[in-house]
Amino acid sequence: MEVVRFKQEHLAGFIPREAVPEPFPTIEKRLELYSQCGLAFSLVHDGRTIAIAGVAFIAEGVGEVWALTDFLVKKYPIAFHRAVKEGLHTIFETYKLRRIQAVVLADWRVGREWLKRLGFQSEGIMEAFGPDGADYIRFAMVRA
């Protein structure tokens, strides 16, 4: 298992397990935008990308994290979790962030529980936040 800087070719064979609802931009467009305003990494196993994640720097000292996973990530949940946890720590320290935040669909229990295991705390429901009108929950990790 290896964490590398994201490249467009990492999308070859990548099958996202999260649906991309309309009117969200395509995964390719989202990754292009994410890469322009922050960092993007791929988790690769045996030449296959199983996850792509990163952080967008949205304000001084504040990052918005995101992740896209392939169906194969279910085969390697511990390695994926460790890679993200270590990556978050490295990003906090390297970029001197005071806050990292994330959003997750309000009705996606697995995503909410995973963010909590990573150390995020819920800050509440963001009603009608999604481009499709779906409710999301804001999570954050704050360093003093």
C-alpha atoms as a PDB file:
ATOM      1  CA  MET A   1       0.000   0.000   0.000  1.00  0.00           C
ATOM      2  CA  GLU A   2       1.445   3.351  -1.038  1.00  0.00           C
ATOM      3  CA  VAL A   3       0.333   6.987  -0.710  1.00  0.00           C
ATOM      4  CA  VAL A   4       1.384   9.104  -3.693  1.00  0.00           C
ATOM      5  CA  ARG A   5       0.537  12.506  -5.126  1.00  0.00           C
ATOM      6  CA  PHE A   6      -2.615  12.300  -7.230  1.00  0.00           C
ATOM      7  CA  LYS A   7      -2.240  12.148 -11.015  1.00  0.00           C
ATOM      8  CA  GLN A   8      -5.086  11.986 -13.536  1.00  0.00           C
ATOM      9  CA  GLU A   9      -3.952   8.525 -14.631  1.00  0.00           C
ATOM     10  CA  HIS A  10      -4.862   7.241 -11.152  1.00  0.00           C
ATOM     11  CA  LEU A  11      -8.492   7.426 -12.302  1.00  0.00           C
ATOM     12  CA  ALA A  12      -7.934   4.589 -14.797  1.00  0.00           C
ATOM     13  CA  GLY A  13      -9.973   1.694 -13.448  1.00  0.00           C
ATOM     14  CA  PHE A  14     -11.164   3.718 -10.453  1.00  0.00           C
ATOM     15  CA  ILE A  15     -14.781   2.810  -9.660  1.00  0.00           C
ATOM     16  CA  PRO A  16     -16.213   5.274  -7.145  1.00  0.00           C
ATOM     17  CA  ARG A  17     -18.476   3.690  -4.563  1.00  0.00           C
ATOM     18  CA  GLU A  18     -20.109   7.036  -3.837  1.00  0.00           C
ATOM     19  CA  ALA A  19     -22.665   8.154  -6.374  1.00  0.00           C
ATOM     20  CA  VAL A  20     -22.058  11.568  -7.903  1.00  0.00           C
ATOM     21  CA  PRO A  21     -25.521  13.130  -7.856  1.00  0.00           C
ATOM     22  CA  GLU A  22     -26.543  15.836 -10.255  1.00  0.00           C
ATOM     23  CA  PRO A  23     -25.706  18.683 -10.352  1.00  0.00           C
ATOM     24  CA  PHE A  24     -22.297  17.879  -8.793  1.00  0.00           C
ATOM     25  CA  PRO A  25     -19.387  18.191 -11.217  1.00  0.00           C
ATOM     26  CA  THR A  26     -17.901  14.925 -12.500  1.00  0.00           C
ATOM     27  CA  ILE A  27     -15.190  13.260 -10.438  1.00  0.00           C
ATOM     28  CA  GLU A  28     -12.589  14.384 -12.990  1.00  0.00           C
ATOM     29  CA  LYS A  29     -13.704  18.013 -12.701  1.00  0.00           C
ATOM     30  CA  ARG A  30     -13.890  17.859  -8.899  1.00  0.00           C
ATOM     31  CA  LEU A  31     -10.359  16.455  -8.696  1.00  0.00           C
ATOM     32  CA  GLU A  32      -9.070  19.127 -11.038  1.00  0.00           C
ATOM     33  CA  LEU A  33     -10.608  21.824  -8.817  1.00  0.00           C
ATOM     34  CA  TYR A  34      -9.421  20.191  -5.570  1.00  0.00           C
ATOM     35  CA  SER A  35      -5.879  19.916  -6.920  1.00  0.00           C
ATOM     36  CA  GLN A  36      -5.821  23.614  -7.818  1.00  0.00           C
ATOM     37  CA  CYS A  37      -6.678  24.801  -4.301  1.00  0.00           C
ATOM     38  CA  GLY A  38      -4.865  22.275  -2.152  1.00  0.00           C
ATOM     39  CA  LEU A  39      -3.391  18.820  -2.044  1.00  0.00           C
ATOM     40  CA  ALA A  40      -4.592  15.548  -3.532  1.00  0.00           C
ATOM     41  CA  PHE A  41      -3.230  12.067  -2.867  1.00  0.00           C
ATOM     42  CA  SER A  42      -3.946   8.557  -4.088  1.00  0.00           C
ATOM     43  CA  LEU A  43      -3.802   5.357  -2.071  1.00  0.00           C
ATOM     44  CA  VAL A  44      -2.510   2.702  -4.454  1.00  0.00           C
ATOM     45  CA  HIS A  45      -2.327  -1.064  -3.957  1.00  0.00           C
ATOM     46  CA  ASP A  46      -0.867  -3.400  -6.597  1.00  0.00           C
ATOM     47  CA  GLY A  47      -1.065  -0.633  -9.198  1.00  0.00           C
ATOM     48  CA  ARG A  48      -4.758   0.057  -8.500  1.00  0.00           C
ATOM     49  CA  THR A  49      -6.044   3.274  -6.948  1.00  0.00           C
ATOM     50  CA  ILE A  50      -8.374   2.432  -4.074  1.00  0.00           C
ATOM     51  CA  ALA A  51      -8.855   5.938  -2.685  1.00  0.00           C
ATOM     52  CA  ILE A  52      -8.190   9.551  -3.554  1.00  0.00           C
ATOM     53  CA  ALA A  53      -8.229  12.169  -0.815  1.00  0.00           C
ATOM     54  CA  GLY A  54      -6.897  15.569   0.020  1.00  0.00           C
ATOM     55  CA  VAL A  55      -7.379  18.964   1.538  1.00  0.00           C
ATOM     56  CA  ALA A  56      -8.461  22.262   0.018  1.00  0.00           C
ATOM     57  CA  PHE A  57      -7.054  25.310   1.787  1.00  0.00           C
ATOM     58  CA  ILE A  58     -10.093  27.544   2.150  1.00  0.00           C
ATOM     59  CA  ALA A  59      -8.779  30.199   4.563  1.00  0.00           C
ATOM     60  CA  GLU A  60      -5.620  30.949   6.515  1.00  0.00           C
ATOM     61  CA  GLY A  61      -5.137  27.988   8.854  1.00  0.00           C
ATOM     62  CA  VAL A  62      -8.252  26.149   7.656  1.00  0.00           C
ATOM     63  CA  GLY A  63      -8.528  23.120   5.410  1.00  0.00           C
ATOM     64  CA  GLU A  64     -11.544  21.289   3.996  1.00  0.00           C
ATOM     65  CA  VAL A  65     -10.857  17.564   3.615  1.00  0.00           C
ATOM     66  CA  TRP A  66     -12.455  15.287   1.079  1.00  0.00           C
ATOM     67  CA  ALA A  67     -12.173  11.662   0.002  1.00  0.00           C
ATOM     68  CA  LEU A  68     -13.355   9.499  -2.872  1.00  0.00           C
ATOM     69  CA  THR A  69     -13.126   5.747  -2.529  1.00  0.00           C
ATOM     70  CA  ASP A  70     -13.168   2.830  -4.920  1.00  0.00           C
ATOM     71  CA  PHE A  71     -15.134  -0.334  -4.149  1.00  0.00           C
ATOM     72  CA  LEU A  72     -11.783  -2.006  -3.352  1.00  0.00           C
ATOM     73  CA  VAL A  73     -11.363   0.161  -0.246  1.00  0.00           C
ATOM     74  CA  LYS A  74     -13.672  -2.265   1.585  1.00  0.00           C
ATOM     75  CA  LYS A  75     -10.957  -4.921   1.274  1.00  0.00           C
ATOM     76  CA  TYR A  76      -8.407  -2.693   3.053  1.00  0.00           C
ATOM     77  CA  PRO A  77     -10.309  -0.667   5.682  1.00  0.00           C
ATOM     78  CA  ILE A  78      -7.510  -0.597   8.252  1.00  0.00           C
ATOM     79  CA  ALA A  79      -4.820   0.470   5.782  1.00  0.00           C
ATOM     80  CA  PHE A  80      -7.157   3.161   4.398  1.00  0.00           C
ATOM     81  CA  HIS A  81      -8.037   4.461   7.876  1.00  0.00           C
ATOM     82  CA  ARG A  82      -4.374   4.559   8.957  1.00  0.00           C
ATOM     83  CA  ALA A  83      -3.289   6.341   5.771  1.00  0.00           C
ATOM     84  CA  VAL A  84      -5.954   9.030   6.230  1.00  0.00           C
ATOM     85  CA  LYS A  85      -5.257   9.455   9.956  1.00  0.00           C
ATOM     86  CA  GLU A  86      -1.503   9.807   9.339  1.00  0.00           C
ATOM     87  CA  GLY A  87      -2.162  12.145   6.409  1.00  0.00           C
ATOM     88  CA  LEU A  88      -4.378  14.394   8.538  1.00  0.00           C
ATOM     89  CA  HIS A  89      -1.688  14.619  11.209  1.00  0.00           C
ATOM     90  CA  THR A  90       0.979  15.437   8.629  1.00  0.00           C
ATOM     91  CA  ILE A  91      -1.186  18.105   6.973  1.00  0.00           C
ATOM     92  CA  PHE A  92      -2.021  19.724  10.335  1.00  0.00           C
ATOM     93  CA  GLU A  93       1.658  19.927  11.245  1.00  0.00           C
ATOM     94  CA  THR A  94       3.182  20.768   7.856  1.00  0.00           C
ATOM     95  CA  TYR A  95       0.721  23.507   6.967  1.00  0.00           C
ATOM     96  CA  LYS A  96       0.241  24.813  10.529  1.00  0.00           C
ATOM     97  CA  LEU A  97      -3.530  24.423  10.348  1.00  0.00           C
ATOM     98  CA  ARG A  98      -5.735  25.209  13.317  1.00  0.00           C
ATOM     99  CA  ARG A  99      -8.834  23.599  11.828  1.00  0.00           C
ATOM    100  CA  ILE A 100      -9.678  20.837   9.398  1.00  0.00           C
ATOM    101  CA  GLN A 101     -13.314  20.395   8.456  1.00  0.00           C
ATOM    102  CA  ALA A 102     -15.431  18.033   6.415  1.00  0.00           C
ATOM    103  CA  VAL A 103     -19.023  17.587   5.341  1.00  0.00           C
ATOM    104  CA  VAL A 104     -20.937  14.346   5.021  1.00  0.00           C
ATOM    105  CA  LEU A 105     -24.459  13.511   3.906  1.00  0.00           C
ATOM    106  CA  ALA A 106     -26.662  13.638   6.998  1.00  0.00           C
ATOM    107  CA  ASP A 107     -28.142  10.217   6.291  1.00  0.00           C
ATOM    108  CA  TRP A 108     -24.820   8.453   5.569  1.00  0.00           C
ATOM    109  CA  ARG A 109     -24.170   6.686   8.894  1.00  0.00           C
ATOM    110  CA  VAL A 110     -20.924   5.000   7.775  1.00  0.00           C
ATOM    111  CA  GLY A 111     -19.383   8.340   6.769  1.00  0.00           C
ATOM    112  CA  ARG A 112     -20.436  10.042  10.020  1.00  0.00           C
ATOM    113  CA  GLU A 113     -19.033   7.237  12.171  1.00  0.00           C
ATOM    114  CA  TRP A 114     -15.764   7.144  10.242  1.00  0.00           C
ATOM    115  CA  LEU A 115     -15.209  10.879  10.703  1.00  0.00           C
ATOM    116  CA  LYS A 116     -15.782  10.460  14.442  1.00  0.00           C
ATOM    117  CA  ARG A 117     -13.218   7.621  14.574  1.00  0.00           C
ATOM    118  CA  LEU A 118     -10.732   9.931  12.848  1.00  0.00           C
ATOM    119  CA  GLY A 119     -11.244  12.483  15.648  1.00  0.00           C
ATOM    120  CA  PHE A 120     -13.739  14.872  14.070  1.00  0.00           C
ATOM    121  CA  GLN A 121     -16.642  16.295  16.055  1.00  0.00           C
ATOM    122  CA  SER A 122     -20.052  17.137  14.666  1.00  0.00           C
ATOM    123  CA  GLU A 123     -20.890  20.825  14.489  1.00  0.00           C
ATOM    124  CA  GLY A 124     -24.460  20.330  13.327  1.00  0.00           C
ATOM    125  CA  ILE A 125     -26.757  19.865  10.393  1.00  0.00           C
ATOM    126  CA  MET A 126     -26.426  22.058   7.335  1.00  0.00           C
ATOM    127  CA  GLU A 127     -29.962  21.988   5.974  1.00  0.00           C
ATOM    128  CA  ALA A 128     -30.377  21.933   2.187  1.00  0.00           C
ATOM    129  CA  PHE A 129     -26.592  22.349   1.786  1.00  0.00           C
ATOM    130  CA  GLY A 130     -26.054  19.992  -1.157  1.00  0.00           C
ATOM    131  CA  PRO A 131     -26.572  21.154  -4.725  1.00  0.00           C
ATOM    132  CA  ASP A 132     -29.442  18.680  -4.826  1.00  0.00           C
ATOM    133  CA  GLY A 133     -30.940  20.144  -1.614  1.00  0.00           C
ATOM    134  CA  ALA A 134     -29.740  17.296   0.628  1.00  0.00           C
ATOM    135  CA  ASP A 135     -28.879  17.906   4.272  1.00  0.00           C
ATOM    136  CA  TYR A 136     -25.234  17.534   5.301  1.00  0.00           C
ATOM    137  CA  ILE A 137     -23.449  17.553   8.635  1.00  0.00           C
ATOM    138  CA  ARG A 138     -20.362  19.690   9.229  1.00  0.00           C
ATOM    139  CA  PHE A 139     -17.568  17.971  11.140  1.00  0.00           C
ATOM    140  CA  ALA A 140     -14.383  19.614  12.356  1.00  0.00           C
ATOM    141  CA  MET A 141     -11.101  18.844  14.072  1.00  0.00           C
ATOM    142  CA  VAL A 142      -9.593  21.856  15.829  1.00  0.00           C
ATOM    143  CA  ARG A 143      -6.102  22.238  17.241  1.00  0.00           C
ATOM    144  CA  ALA A 144      -5.437  24.831  19.908  1.00  0.00           C
END
